[in-house]
Amino acid sequence: MDAFHYLLTVLPLSLGGFDPAPALIAAVFLANPAVRKPRASVLTFGAVLIGGTAVWGLVLSKVVGERIRDIPWHEILHVLLHSGLWTVALKLAIAAGLLVYAVISFRKRGREKEEKTRTAAGLIAVALGFIALVTSDVPFVATVALSSHQPFAVQVVGLSLWAIISQVPLFALCVAVALGQHGAFARWLEKVWTRVRPVVGVLIPAACALAALGLIVDVVVHLVLVA
């Protein structure tokens, strides 16, 4: 894959890793009157999270990127999805996981805990936690694998794009902070999320439940045809 097509592929993958949570945490932090130097802390938070994600991706692409890329994923999936009992077991396990996630997500909707971070050190710890969590993000892992065969400069651009786009609310908030316009932006961000959160809290569990139902129906049809 050449550099142009690699960067084109990174764009949808970065959208797959989209996460507004860090921006909301930063907005709450800015609004807290007890915090000293909130602007500097939020800018540091953004730099550590976005920059750290890109650097972590570069490290992984050098260390394990080629190994991930060389795994015959298509063959593995073909075997798993066309091997009788294994097919049934795998699909039921995925369906069960989706249903559990759907139930937990639905029950938690509208009951998010208030962010307790009150210090700059706590905010940095949160940033490092998000960097650690991104390792389990499938779009991030896919980007790392694709980056492994690219020149270093292209890797830097691609993984930086992934980090910025996946954290575009936080990036925009940091730009607003740097320009001294963060107050209005933070209020707008919280207002938008307050309106969107109830819908997201229903759509995500519903989508997971539908996917699980589809897998269960597929298993039933498979068993009926085999019988």
Protein backbone atom coordinates (compact mmCIF):
# COMPACT_ATOMS: atom_id res chain seq x y z
CA MET A 1 0.00 0.00 0.00
CA ASP A 2 1.44 3.37 -1.00
CA ALA A 3 1.49 6.38 1.33
CA PHE A 4 -1.55 8.04 -0.24
CA HIS A 5 -3.83 5.02 0.10
CA TYR A 6 -2.45 4.36 3.58
CA LEU A 7 -3.46 7.86 4.73
CA LEU A 8 -6.87 7.47 3.08
CA THR A 9 -7.36 4.24 5.02
CA VAL A 10 -6.31 5.88 8.29
CA LEU A 11 -9.16 8.42 8.04
CA PRO A 12 -12.09 5.99 8.52
CA LEU A 13 -10.07 3.99 11.06
CA SER A 14 -9.55 7.14 13.12
CA LEU A 15 -13.29 7.81 13.06
CA GLY A 16 -13.76 4.28 14.37
CA GLY A 17 -11.68 5.26 17.40
CA PHE A 18 -13.63 8.48 18.05
CA ASP A 19 -13.94 9.20 21.79
CA PRO A 20 -15.47 12.41 23.24
CA ALA A 21 -14.84 11.42 26.87
CA PRO A 22 -11.41 13.12 27.29
CA ALA A 23 -12.79 16.42 25.94
CA LEU A 24 -15.67 16.27 28.40
CA ILE A 25 -13.28 15.55 31.25
CA ALA A 26 -11.16 18.53 30.21
CA ALA A 27 -14.24 20.76 29.95
CA VAL A 28 -15.32 19.84 33.49
CA PHE A 29 -11.77 20.47 34.68
CA LEU A 30 -11.78 23.93 33.12
CA ALA A 31 -15.09 24.78 34.79
CA ASN A 32 -13.82 23.85 38.26
CA PRO A 33 -12.97 27.09 40.14
CA ALA A 34 -10.82 25.20 42.66
CA VAL A 35 -8.26 24.20 40.02
CA ARG A 36 -5.07 26.22 39.71
CA LYS A 37 -3.86 27.03 36.18
CA PRO A 38 -6.58 25.02 34.44
CA ARG A 39 -5.62 26.23 30.95
CA ALA A 40 -2.03 25.01 31.21
CA SER A 41 -3.20 21.72 32.72
CA VAL A 42 -5.70 21.08 29.93
CA LEU A 43 -3.15 21.92 27.23
CA THR A 44 -0.71 19.49 28.85
CA PHE A 45 -3.47 16.90 29.09
CA GLY A 46 -4.24 17.24 25.40
CA ALA A 47 -0.59 17.13 24.38
CA VAL A 48 0.10 14.03 26.49
CA LEU A 49 -3.02 12.19 25.33
CA ILE A 50 -2.89 13.02 21.62
CA GLY A 51 0.89 13.06 21.30
CA GLY A 52 1.29 10.02 23.53
CA THR A 53 -1.22 8.03 21.46
CA ALA A 54 0.72 8.81 18.28
CA VAL A 55 4.07 7.93 19.91
CA TRP A 56 2.65 4.71 21.37
CA GLY A 57 1.38 3.78 17.93
CA LEU A 58 4.83 4.38 16.45
CA VAL A 59 6.45 2.18 19.09
CA LEU A 60 3.94 -0.63 18.54
CA SER A 61 4.27 -0.42 14.76
CA LYS A 62 8.04 -0.91 15.08
CA VAL A 63 7.83 -3.69 17.67
CA VAL A 64 4.77 -5.76 16.71
CA GLY A 65 3.25 -4.08 13.66
CA GLU A 66 4.59 -6.56 11.09
CA ARG A 67 3.60 -9.55 13.24
CA ILE A 68 0.02 -8.27 13.49
CA ARG A 69 -0.05 -7.56 9.76
CA ASP A 70 1.29 -11.02 8.85
CA ILE A 71 -1.34 -12.92 10.86
CA PRO A 72 -3.63 -14.67 8.31
CA TRP A 73 -6.82 -13.13 9.69
CA HIS A 74 -8.95 -14.16 6.69
CA GLU A 75 -7.91 -17.79 7.01
CA ILE A 76 -8.53 -17.83 10.75
CA LEU A 77 -11.99 -16.32 10.34
CA HIS A 78 -12.80 -18.72 7.50
CA VAL A 79 -11.92 -21.71 9.68
CA LEU A 80 -13.83 -20.40 12.68
CA LEU A 81 -16.92 -19.48 10.69
CA HIS A 82 -17.09 -22.71 8.68
CA SER A 83 -16.30 -25.41 11.20
CA GLY A 84 -19.65 -26.68 12.48
CA LEU A 85 -19.72 -26.75 16.28
CA TRP A 86 -17.03 -24.10 16.52
CA THR A 87 -19.22 -21.79 14.46
CA VAL A 88 -22.16 -22.22 16.82
CA ALA A 89 -20.01 -21.81 19.93
CA LEU A 90 -18.23 -18.72 18.61
CA LYS A 91 -21.41 -16.98 17.48
CA LEU A 92 -23.21 -17.75 20.74
CA ALA A 93 -20.24 -16.45 22.75
CA ILE A 94 -20.18 -13.21 20.74
CA ALA A 95 -23.96 -12.87 21.08
CA ALA A 96 -23.76 -13.40 24.85
CA GLY A 97 -21.03 -10.78 25.14
CA LEU A 98 -23.03 -8.28 23.09
CA LEU A 99 -26.16 -8.89 25.17
CA VAL A 100 -24.28 -8.44 28.45
CA TYR A 101 -22.72 -5.23 27.16
CA ALA A 102 -26.11 -3.99 25.91
CA VAL A 103 -27.78 -4.63 29.28
CA ILE A 104 -24.98 -2.99 31.27
CA SER A 105 -24.83 0.02 28.94
CA PHE A 106 -28.60 0.47 29.00
CA ARG A 107 -28.77 0.30 32.79
CA LYS A 108 -25.91 2.80 33.15
CA ARG A 109 -27.37 5.37 30.74
CA GLY A 110 -27.81 8.81 32.30
CA ARG A 111 -25.97 7.75 35.45
CA GLU A 112 -22.41 8.72 34.57
CA LYS A 113 -20.34 9.61 37.59
CA GLU A 114 -19.14 13.17 37.92
CA GLU A 115 -15.49 13.48 37.04
CA LYS A 116 -13.44 13.62 40.26
CA THR A 117 -10.12 14.74 38.81
CA ARG A 118 -9.09 17.89 40.66
CA THR A 119 -5.35 18.22 40.05
CA ALA A 120 -3.06 18.51 37.05
CA ALA A 121 -1.33 15.28 38.09
CA GLY A 122 -4.68 13.52 38.18
CA LEU A 123 -5.47 14.80 34.71
CA ILE A 124 -2.15 13.46 33.37
CA ALA A 125 -2.88 10.11 35.00
CA VAL A 126 -6.21 10.05 33.15
CA ALA A 127 -4.39 10.78 29.87
CA LEU A 128 -1.98 7.90 30.44
CA GLY A 129 -4.93 5.64 31.22
CA PHE A 130 -6.59 6.51 27.91
CA ILE A 131 -3.32 5.81 26.07
CA ALA A 132 -3.16 2.37 27.71
CA LEU A 133 -6.79 1.66 26.82
CA VAL A 134 -6.33 2.53 23.15
CA THR A 135 -4.16 -0.59 22.77
CA SER A 136 -7.36 -2.65 22.89
CA ASP A 137 -9.07 -0.46 20.27
CA VAL A 138 -9.42 -2.48 17.04
CA PRO A 139 -9.16 0.55 14.67
CA PHE A 140 -5.95 1.58 16.46
CA VAL A 141 -4.46 -1.90 16.20
CA ALA A 142 -5.39 -1.99 12.51
CA THR A 143 -3.68 1.36 11.97
CA VAL A 144 -0.56 0.11 13.77
CA ALA A 145 -0.47 -2.95 11.51
CA LEU A 146 -0.89 -0.85 8.35
CA SER A 147 1.81 1.55 9.53
CA SER A 148 4.44 -1.14 9.89
CA HIS A 149 5.39 -1.16 6.17
CA GLN A 150 5.37 2.62 5.73
CA PRO A 151 8.38 4.97 5.88
CA PHE A 152 8.88 6.57 9.29
CA ALA A 153 7.75 10.04 8.16
CA VAL A 154 4.52 8.60 6.74
CA GLN A 155 3.98 6.65 9.96
CA VAL A 156 4.29 9.86 11.97
CA VAL A 157 1.73 11.61 9.77
CA GLY A 158 -0.69 8.67 9.76
CA LEU A 159 -0.62 7.96 13.50
CA SER A 160 -0.76 11.68 14.30
CA LEU A 161 -3.86 11.94 12.10
CA TRP A 162 -5.39 8.95 13.89
CA ALA A 163 -4.71 10.49 17.30
CA ILE A 164 -6.06 13.94 16.35
CA ILE A 165 -9.19 12.77 14.52
CA SER A 166 -10.12 10.19 17.15
CA GLN A 167 -9.77 12.96 19.74
CA VAL A 168 -11.01 15.84 17.62
CA PRO A 169 -13.26 17.30 20.39
CA LEU A 170 -10.26 17.44 22.74
CA PHE A 171 -8.04 18.83 19.98
CA ALA A 172 -10.60 21.57 19.23
CA LEU A 173 -10.93 22.36 22.93
CA CYS A 174 -7.15 22.68 23.26
CA VAL A 175 -7.05 25.04 20.27
CA ALA A 176 -9.82 27.10 21.88
CA VAL A 177 -7.89 27.17 25.17
CA ALA A 178 -4.72 28.31 23.40
CA LEU A 179 -6.71 31.11 21.72
CA GLY A 180 -8.45 32.09 24.96
CA GLN A 181 -11.89 31.09 23.63
CA HIS A 182 -12.33 27.96 25.72
CA GLY A 183 -15.17 29.19 27.94
CA ALA A 184 -17.79 29.32 25.20
CA PHE A 185 -16.51 26.17 23.51
CA ALA A 186 -16.53 24.14 26.74
CA ARG A 187 -20.09 25.23 27.51
CA TRP A 188 -21.18 24.37 23.96
CA LEU A 189 -19.50 20.95 24.16
CA GLU A 190 -21.20 20.09 27.44
CA LYS A 191 -24.53 21.34 26.11
CA VAL A 192 -24.28 19.21 22.95
CA TRP A 193 -23.25 16.10 24.86
CA THR A 194 -26.08 16.60 27.36
CA ARG A 195 -28.54 16.50 24.45
CA VAL A 196 -26.89 13.67 22.54
CA ARG A 197 -26.03 11.40 25.49
CA PRO A 198 -29.56 10.02 26.05
CA VAL A 199 -29.83 9.05 22.38
CA VAL A 200 -26.38 7.45 22.36
CA GLY A 201 -27.24 5.67 25.61
CA VAL A 202 -30.13 3.94 23.83
CA LEU A 203 -28.73 3.49 20.31
CA ILE A 204 -25.52 1.70 21.31
CA PRO A 205 -27.21 -0.94 23.53
CA ALA A 206 -29.95 -1.37 20.92
CA ALA A 207 -27.40 -1.91 18.14
CA CYS A 208 -25.54 -4.47 20.26
CA ALA A 209 -28.79 -6.26 21.12
CA LEU A 210 -29.81 -6.38 17.45
CA ALA A 211 -26.42 -7.73 16.45
CA ALA A 212 -26.70 -10.40 19.15
CA LEU A 213 -30.21 -11.28 17.98
CA GLY A 214 -28.96 -11.64 14.42
CA LEU A 215 -26.23 -14.03 15.54
CA ILE A 216 -28.71 -16.10 17.58
CA VAL A 217 -31.11 -16.33 14.63
CA ASP A 218 -28.20 -17.36 12.40
CA VAL A 219 -27.24 -20.12 14.85
CA VAL A 220 -30.84 -21.39 15.05
CA VAL A 221 -31.13 -21.47 11.24
CA HIS A 222 -27.79 -23.28 11.02
CA LEU A 223 -28.88 -25.93 13.56
CA VAL A 224 -32.23 -26.42 11.81
CA LEU A 225 -30.54 -26.91 8.43
CA VAL A 226 -27.96 -29.30 9.87
CA ALA A 227 -30.65 -31.30 11.67
